C-alpha atoms as a PDB file:
ATOM      1  CA  MET A   1      16.398  16.649  14.027  1.00  0.00           C
ATOM      2  CA  ALA A   2      16.929  13.336  15.808  1.00  0.00           C
ATOM      3  CA  TYR A   3      14.452  10.508  15.511  1.00  0.00           C
ATOM      4  CA  TYR A   4      12.345  10.239  18.689  1.00  0.00           C
ATOM      5  CA  SER A   5       9.335   7.977  18.128  1.00  0.00           C
ATOM      6  CA  HIS A   6      11.450   4.923  18.940  1.00  0.00           C
ATOM      7  CA  LEU A   7      12.004   6.140  22.520  1.00  0.00           C
ATOM      8  CA  PRO A   8       9.933   4.185  25.093  1.00  0.00           C
ATOM      9  CA  ILE A   9       9.627   7.302  27.267  1.00  0.00           C
ATOM     10  CA  TYR A  10       8.185   9.269  24.335  1.00  0.00           C
ATOM     11  CA  ASN A  11       5.662   6.526  23.578  1.00  0.00           C
ATOM     12  CA  THR A  12       4.622   6.338  27.241  1.00  0.00           C
ATOM     13  CA  ALA A  13       4.199  10.116  27.484  1.00  0.00           C
ATOM     14  CA  PHE A  14       2.260  10.257  24.210  1.00  0.00           C
ATOM     15  CA  GLY A  15      -0.031   7.412  25.301  1.00  0.00           C
ATOM     16  CA  LEU A  16      -0.676   9.185  28.582  1.00  0.00           C
ATOM     17  CA  LEU A  17      -1.507  12.412  26.785  1.00  0.00           C
ATOM     18  CA  LYS A  18      -4.028  10.549  24.680  1.00  0.00           C
ATOM     19  CA  ASP A  19      -5.572   9.018  27.816  1.00  0.00           C
ATOM     20  CA  TYR A  20      -5.813  12.435  29.462  1.00  0.00           C
ATOM     21  CA  TYR A  21      -7.513  13.905  26.391  1.00  0.00           C
ATOM     22  CA  ILE A  22     -10.117  11.148  26.675  1.00  0.00           C
ATOM     23  CA  ARG A  23     -10.689  11.514  30.426  1.00  0.00           C
ATOM     24  CA  VAL A  24     -10.386  15.250  31.135  1.00  0.00           C
ATOM     25  CA  PRO A  25     -13.565  16.231  29.218  1.00  0.00           C
ATOM     26  CA  LYS A  26     -15.464  14.032  31.691  1.00  0.00           C
ATOM     27  CA  PHE A  27     -14.279  16.140  34.649  1.00  0.00           C
ATOM     28  CA  SER A  28     -16.913  18.409  36.153  1.00  0.00           C
ATOM     29  CA  LYS A  29     -16.911  21.951  34.800  1.00  0.00           C
ATOM     30  CA  GLN A  30     -15.350  23.236  38.006  1.00  0.00           C
ATOM     31  CA  TYR A  31     -12.203  21.129  37.501  1.00  0.00           C
ATOM     32  CA  LYS A  32     -12.113  20.486  33.764  1.00  0.00           C
ATOM     33  CA  TYR A  33     -10.347  23.662  32.722  1.00  0.00           C
ATOM     34  CA  LEU A  34      -8.058  24.346  35.649  1.00  0.00           C
ATOM     35  CA  LEU A  35      -7.006  20.923  36.941  1.00  0.00           C
ATOM     36  CA  GLY A  36      -7.578  18.972  33.723  1.00  0.00           C
ATOM     37  CA  GLY A  37      -5.954  21.683  31.642  1.00  0.00           C
ATOM     38  CA  GLU A  38      -2.917  21.700  33.916  1.00  0.00           C
ATOM     39  CA  ILE A  39      -2.534  17.913  33.672  1.00  0.00           C
ATOM     40  CA  ILE A  40      -2.594  18.116  29.873  1.00  0.00           C
ATOM     41  CA  LYS A  41      -0.286  21.152  29.801  1.00  0.00           C
ATOM     42  CA  VAL A  42       2.340  19.459  31.994  1.00  0.00           C
ATOM     43  CA  ASN A  43       2.173  16.284  29.914  1.00  0.00           C
ATOM     44  CA  ILE A  44       2.686  18.269  26.699  1.00  0.00           C
ATOM     45  CA  GLU A  45       5.668  19.968  28.364  1.00  0.00           C
ATOM     46  CA  ILE A  46       7.107  16.543  29.216  1.00  0.00           C
ATOM     47  CA  ILE A  47       6.852  15.515  25.556  1.00  0.00           C
ATOM     48  CA  ARG A  48       8.515  18.773  24.474  1.00  0.00           C
ATOM     49  CA  LEU A  49      11.330  18.204  26.988  1.00  0.00           C
ATOM     50  CA  ILE A  50      11.818  14.627  25.770  1.00  0.00           C
ATOM     51  CA  LEU A  51      12.192  15.862  22.193  1.00  0.00           C
ATOM     52  CA  GLU A  52      14.583  18.629  23.234  1.00  0.00           C
ATOM     53  CA  THR A  53      16.660  16.241  25.351  1.00  0.00           C
ATOM     54  CA  ASN A  54      16.870  13.737  22.514  1.00  0.00           C
ATOM     55  CA  ASN A  55      18.142  16.473  20.174  1.00  0.00           C
ATOM     56  CA  THR A  56      20.687  17.911  22.613  1.00  0.00           C
ATOM     57  CA  ARG A  57      24.261  16.660  22.528  1.00  0.00           C
ATOM     58  CA  ASP A  58      25.597  18.965  25.255  1.00  0.00           C
ATOM     59  CA  ILE A  59      25.803  16.737  28.356  1.00  0.00           C
ATOM     60  CA  THR A  60      25.307  19.567  30.865  1.00  0.00           C
ATOM     61  CA  ARG A  61      22.183  20.798  29.109  1.00  0.00           C
ATOM     62  CA  ARG A  62      20.923  17.244  28.709  1.00  0.00           C
ATOM     63  CA  LYS A  63      21.274  16.629  32.455  1.00  0.00           C
ATOM     64  CA  ARG A  64      19.319  19.802  33.192  1.00  0.00           C
ATOM     65  CA  LEU A  65      16.546  18.823  30.777  1.00  0.00           C
ATOM     66  CA  LEU A  66      16.329  15.329  32.250  1.00  0.00           C
ATOM     67  CA  GLU A  67      16.036  16.792  35.758  1.00  0.00           C
ATOM     68  CA  GLU A  68      13.119  18.875  34.472  1.00  0.00           C
ATOM     69  CA  ILE A  69      11.453  15.805  32.924  1.00  0.00           C
ATOM     70  CA  VAL A  70      11.714  13.983  36.261  1.00  0.00           C
ATOM     71  CA  TRP A  71      10.227  16.982  38.079  1.00  0.00           C
ATOM     72  CA  GLN A  72       7.385  17.407  35.580  1.00  0.00           C
ATOM     73  CA  SER A  73       6.540  13.693  35.647  1.00  0.00           C
ATOM     74  CA  GLU A  74       6.278  13.861  39.443  1.00  0.00           C
ATOM     75  CA  SER A  75       4.030  16.909  39.051  1.00  0.00           C
ATOM     76  CA  VAL A  76       1.655  14.910  36.855  1.00  0.00           C
ATOM     77  CA  ILE A  77       1.433  12.205  39.519  1.00  0.00           C
ATOM     78  CA  ILE A  78       0.506  14.821  42.136  1.00  0.00           C
ATOM     79  CA  LEU A  79      -2.112  16.430  39.865  1.00  0.00           C
ATOM     80  CA  LEU A  80      -3.552  13.021  39.060  1.00  0.00           C
ATOM     81  CA  ARG A  81      -3.874  12.222  42.746  1.00  0.00           C
ATOM     82  CA  ILE A  82      -5.662  15.516  43.333  1.00  0.00           C
ATOM     83  CA  ALA A  83      -8.083  14.676  40.504  1.00  0.00           C
ATOM     84  CA  ASN A  84      -8.750  11.304  42.102  1.00  0.00           C
ATOM     85  CA  GLU A  85      -9.279  12.808  45.561  1.00  0.00           C
ATOM     86  CA  LEU A  86     -11.784  15.255  44.044  1.00  0.00           C
ATOM     87  CA  LYS A  87     -13.606  12.297  42.416  1.00  0.00           C
ATOM     88  CA  GLN A  88     -12.963  13.526  38.875  1.00  0.00           C
ATOM     89  CA  LEU A  89     -11.932  10.157  37.493  1.00  0.00           C
ATOM     90  CA  SER A  90     -14.729   7.780  36.573  1.00  0.00           C
ATOM     91  CA  SER A  91     -13.477   4.934  38.748  1.00  0.00           C
ATOM     92  CA  GLU A  92     -10.694   3.769  41.018  1.00  0.00           C
ATOM     93  CA  LYS A  93      -9.625   1.485  38.186  1.00  0.00           C
ATOM     94  CA  SER A  94      -9.140   4.504  35.928  1.00  0.00           C
ATOM     95  CA  TYR A  95      -7.000   6.227  38.561  1.00  0.00           C
ATOM     96  CA  LEU A  96      -4.880   3.120  39.108  1.00  0.00           C
ATOM     97  CA  TYR A  97      -4.279   2.736  35.365  1.00  0.00           C
ATOM     98  CA  LEU A  98      -3.238   6.380  34.932  1.00  0.00           C
ATOM     99  CA  ALA A  99      -1.145   6.336  38.103  1.00  0.00           C
ATOM    100  CA  GLU A 100       0.668   3.191  36.951  1.00  0.00           C
ATOM    101  CA  LYS A 101       1.431   4.731  33.553  1.00  0.00           C
ATOM    102  CA  SER A 102       2.558   7.999  35.190  1.00  0.00           C
ATOM    103  CA  VAL A 103       4.879   6.159  37.575  1.00  0.00           C
ATOM    104  CA  GLU A 104       6.253   4.198  34.615  1.00  0.00           C
ATOM    105  CA  LEU A 105       6.979   7.506  32.861  1.00  0.00           C
ATOM    106  CA  SER A 106       8.691   8.829  35.972  1.00  0.00           C
ATOM    107  CA  LYS A 107      10.838   5.695  36.277  1.00  0.00           C
ATOM    108  CA  GLN A 108      11.833   5.916  32.623  1.00  0.00           C
ATOM    109  CA  ALA A 109      12.812   9.563  33.095  1.00  0.00           C
ATOM    110  CA  GLU A 110      14.837   8.708  36.197  1.00  0.00           C
ATOM    111  CA  GLY A 111      16.560   5.828  34.387  1.00  0.00           C
ATOM    112  CA  TRP A 112      17.437   8.066  31.441  1.00  0.00           C
ATOM    113  CA  ARG A 113      18.775  10.688  33.838  1.00  0.00           C
ATOM    114  CA  LYS A 114      20.940   8.125  35.638  1.00  0.00           C
ATOM    115  CA  SER A 115      22.329   6.818  32.361  1.00  0.00           C
ATOM    116  CA  VAL A 116      23.577  10.314  31.453  1.00  0.00           C
ATOM    117  CA  ILE A 117      25.238  11.057  34.787  1.00  0.00           C
END
């Protein structure tokens, strides 16, 4: 198994997951399990895809996995915006922090994808 904790994209995704685990329990009951759970689930999937991509040497498969990481990272941004619109984040500052980190993750995924093509 390849070493992955040195990857900036992995560290960004892991940090985001930690932030979501801190903030999602503060969502109202109506949104905590569905919306909050989906945000966490997608972020865990991103981490899994990063690990799988890092361990894959087949270029075609790697490209496909990187496309999926880009798509999933964009999905998190959309879900985060929905959470903000529904006033589930404690403050605008909290939303801006999470959005900035999510966009950073998306940019890292896009950069990794471009480097493989």
